[in-house]
Protein backbone atom coordinates (compact mmCIF):
# COMPACT_ATOMS: atom_id res chain seq x y z
CA MET A 1 0.00 0.00 0.00
CA VAL A 2 1.12 3.54 -0.67
CA GLY A 3 2.89 5.31 2.20
CA LEU A 4 3.39 8.96 1.29
CA GLN A 5 4.48 10.41 4.63
CA ASN A 6 8.19 10.18 3.73
CA CYS A 7 7.86 10.75 -0.02
CA LYS A 8 9.25 13.89 -1.59
CA ILE A 9 6.64 14.98 -4.15
CA LEU A 10 6.82 17.68 -6.82
CA ILE A 11 3.61 19.17 -8.22
CA VAL A 12 4.09 21.00 -11.53
CA ASP A 13 1.07 22.99 -12.68
CA SER A 14 0.72 26.55 -13.97
CA ASN A 15 -2.68 26.90 -12.30
CA ALA A 16 -2.40 27.86 -8.61
CA HIS A 17 -5.87 26.49 -7.85
CA MET A 18 -5.00 23.10 -9.36
CA ARG A 19 -1.72 22.97 -7.42
CA GLN A 20 -3.67 23.65 -4.21
CA ILE A 21 -6.21 20.92 -5.00
CA LEU A 22 -3.48 18.37 -5.68
CA GLU A 23 -1.60 19.37 -2.53
CA THR A 24 -4.75 19.08 -0.42
CA VAL A 25 -5.53 15.62 -1.84
CA LEU A 26 -1.95 14.44 -1.29
CA ARG A 27 -1.94 15.75 2.29
CA GLY A 28 -5.19 13.86 2.81
CA PHE A 29 -3.31 10.72 1.73
CA GLY A 30 -0.61 11.46 4.34
CA ALA A 31 2.00 13.28 2.23
CA LYS A 32 4.05 15.88 4.09
CA ARG A 33 6.98 16.76 1.80
CA ILE A 34 5.25 18.50 -1.10
CA PHE A 35 6.97 21.00 -3.38
CA ALA A 36 5.56 23.00 -6.28
CA ALA A 37 6.64 24.52 -9.58
CA MET A 38 4.52 26.84 -11.72
CA SER A 39 6.20 26.49 -15.10
CA ALA A 40 8.29 24.17 -17.22
CA GLU A 41 11.34 26.31 -16.44
CA GLU A 42 10.76 26.17 -12.66
CA ALA A 43 10.19 22.42 -12.88
CA ASP A 44 13.40 21.95 -14.88
CA ILE A 45 15.37 23.79 -12.20
CA ALA A 46 13.70 21.96 -9.30
CA MET A 47 14.21 18.55 -10.90
CA GLU A 48 17.87 19.25 -11.75
CA ARG A 49 18.57 20.25 -8.13
CA SER A 50 16.72 17.54 -6.25
CA GLU A 51 15.47 13.97 -6.60
CA TYR A 52 11.75 13.39 -6.06
CA ASP A 53 9.95 10.18 -5.17
CA LEU A 54 6.96 11.23 -7.28
CA ILE A 55 6.24 13.96 -9.81
CA LEU A 56 2.71 15.14 -10.69
CA LEU A 57 2.93 17.07 -13.92
CA ASP A 58 0.31 18.98 -15.88
CA TYR A 59 0.09 18.19 -19.57
CA VAL A 60 0.03 21.90 -20.49
CA LEU A 61 2.50 24.17 -18.70
CA GLU A 62 3.48 27.80 -18.85
CA GLY A 63 6.58 27.94 -21.03
CA GLY A 64 6.33 24.38 -22.32
CA ASP A 65 4.48 21.14 -21.94
CA GLY A 66 4.67 18.18 -19.61
CA LEU A 67 5.58 15.70 -22.31
CA ALA A 68 8.61 17.65 -23.55
CA LEU A 69 9.76 18.06 -19.96
CA THR A 70 9.35 14.33 -19.35
CA ARG A 71 11.32 13.44 -22.47
CA ARG A 72 14.18 15.73 -21.38
CA VAL A 73 14.28 14.21 -17.90
CA ARG A 74 14.15 10.63 -19.19
CA ALA A 75 16.82 11.27 -21.86
CA LYS A 76 19.52 12.69 -19.57
CA GLU A 77 21.70 9.83 -18.38
CA HIS A 78 22.57 11.37 -15.01
CA HIS A 79 19.36 13.31 -14.33
CA PRO A 80 18.33 12.94 -10.66
CA ASN A 81 14.73 12.18 -11.68
CA ARG A 82 15.31 10.01 -14.72
CA PHE A 83 13.72 7.01 -12.98
CA SER A 84 11.22 8.90 -10.79
CA PRO A 85 7.56 8.01 -11.35
CA ILE A 86 5.76 10.73 -13.28
CA ILE A 87 1.97 10.98 -13.28
CA ILE A 88 0.66 13.43 -15.84
CA ILE A 89 -2.53 15.36 -15.13
CA SER A 90 -4.55 15.95 -18.30
CA GLY A 91 -7.82 17.58 -19.21
CA SER A 92 -8.19 15.27 -22.20
CA THR A 93 -8.84 11.58 -22.70
CA GLU A 94 -8.18 11.67 -26.43
CA LYS A 95 -6.44 8.47 -27.43
CA ARG A 96 -3.66 10.30 -29.28
CA ARG A 97 -2.84 12.40 -26.19
CA ILE A 98 -2.80 9.37 -23.91
CA GLU A 99 -0.55 7.51 -26.35
CA ALA A 100 1.72 10.55 -26.64
CA ALA A 101 2.03 10.64 -22.84
CA ARG A 102 2.85 6.94 -22.75
CA ASP A 103 5.44 7.37 -25.50
CA ALA A 104 7.06 10.33 -23.69
CA GLY A 105 7.82 8.15 -20.66
CA ILE A 106 4.91 8.94 -18.36
CA ASN A 107 4.10 6.26 -15.76
CA GLU A 108 0.39 7.03 -15.38
CA VAL A 109 -2.24 9.51 -16.56
CA CYS A 110 -4.83 11.05 -14.24
CA VAL A 111 -7.60 13.00 -15.95
CA LYS A 112 -9.07 16.31 -14.78
CA PRO A 113 -11.12 16.97 -12.86
CA VAL A 114 -8.97 15.00 -10.45
CA ILE A 115 -10.99 12.64 -8.30
CA PRO A 116 -9.07 11.60 -5.16
CA LYS A 117 -9.97 7.92 -5.62
CA ASP A 118 -8.58 7.96 -9.17
CA LEU A 119 -5.37 9.70 -8.12
CA PHE A 120 -4.96 7.20 -5.30
CA ARG A 121 -5.24 4.33 -7.80
CA LYS A 122 -2.49 5.91 -9.88
CA LEU A 123 -0.31 6.28 -6.78
CA VAL A 124 -0.88 2.62 -5.91
CA ALA A 125 0.00 1.63 -9.48
CA VAL A 126 3.38 3.38 -9.42
CA ALA A 127 4.21 2.39 -5.83
CA ASP A 128 2.94 -1.17 -5.56
CA TYR A 129 3.18 -2.31 -9.19
CA PRO A 130 6.23 -0.56 -10.64
CA ARG A 131 7.12 -1.41 -14.20
CA GLY A 132 10.65 -1.97 -15.41
CA PHE A 133 12.50 0.94 -16.97
CA VAL A 134 13.39 0.73 -20.67
CA LEU A 135 16.53 2.35 -22.08
CA ALA A 136 16.24 2.00 -25.84
CA PRO A 137 17.55 4.29 -28.60
CA ASN A 138 14.08 5.70 -29.33
CA TYR A 139 12.44 5.38 -25.91
CA LYS A 140 13.45 5.91 -22.31
CA GLY A 141 10.85 5.36 -19.64
CA PRO A 142 8.70 2.79 -17.88
CA ASP A 143 7.86 -0.38 -19.77
CA ARG A 144 4.82 0.50 -21.87
CA ARG A 145 3.38 -2.99 -21.72
CA ARG A 146 0.72 -3.63 -19.09
CA ARG A 147 0.37 -6.73 -17.01
CA SER A 148 -2.71 -7.73 -15.05
CA ALA A 149 -2.38 -7.36 -11.31
CA ASP A 150 -2.31 -10.80 -9.68
CA ASN A 151 -4.35 -9.68 -6.69
CA TYR A 152 -7.20 -8.10 -8.64
CA PRO A 153 -9.99 -10.70 -8.96
CA ASP A 154 -11.76 -10.86 -12.33
CA GLU A 155 -15.15 -10.18 -10.76
CA GLU A 156 -13.86 -7.01 -9.10
CA ARG A 157 -12.10 -5.92 -12.31
CA ARG A 158 -15.32 -6.31 -14.31
CA ALA A 159 -17.32 -4.44 -11.67
CA ASP A 160 -14.78 -1.60 -11.69
CA ARG A 161 -14.88 -1.39 -15.49
CA LYS A 162 -18.67 -1.11 -15.44
CA ALA A 163 -18.63 1.43 -12.61
CA THR A 164 -16.03 3.64 -14.27
CA ALA A 165 -17.15 3.29 -17.88
CA GLY A 166 -17.30 6.77 -19.34
CA GLN A 167 -15.71 8.40 -16.30
CA ASN A 168 -12.55 10.42 -16.36
CA THR A 169 -9.75 7.92 -15.84
CA MET A 170 -7.71 6.18 -18.44
CA ALA A 171 -4.74 3.88 -18.03
CA VAL A 172 -1.61 4.45 -20.02
CA GLY A 173 -0.25 1.34 -21.66
CA GLY A 174 0.30 -0.63 -24.76
């Protein structure tokens, strides 16, 4: 299970209200060490200076975008956050955007408006079911293939799919 009390978390979002919402939700989950950046430039500086256990990153940022930032972080061999889990926050569930996030090296996608239960599921996915990291010439990031969780009974999986059909979460994977 996710234990956030000792995790160092970076929230990157140009919208102050969204940063506050994410921080409030994370504090509700027990997180204490939360840092924020308002732009791609601020995030670049923060991530070069310090290693984070988790990065929540908006898809659209002031001065850049979350995918370009992710690609830069993943590509740098000695970047402190090259292997850090990155969850992108997106206002869109368009297939092409989700696939672009996956291909940029994002671990998970959480769709706006952020529902605490959905964000928690993403946190559990990166903490309890980490995927291997791929270092290939054309891709650097978490393994894009998905595996079924062994402890997720088929009946519960089907019930969850029915309950969330048409809602605002979408898994990233191949």
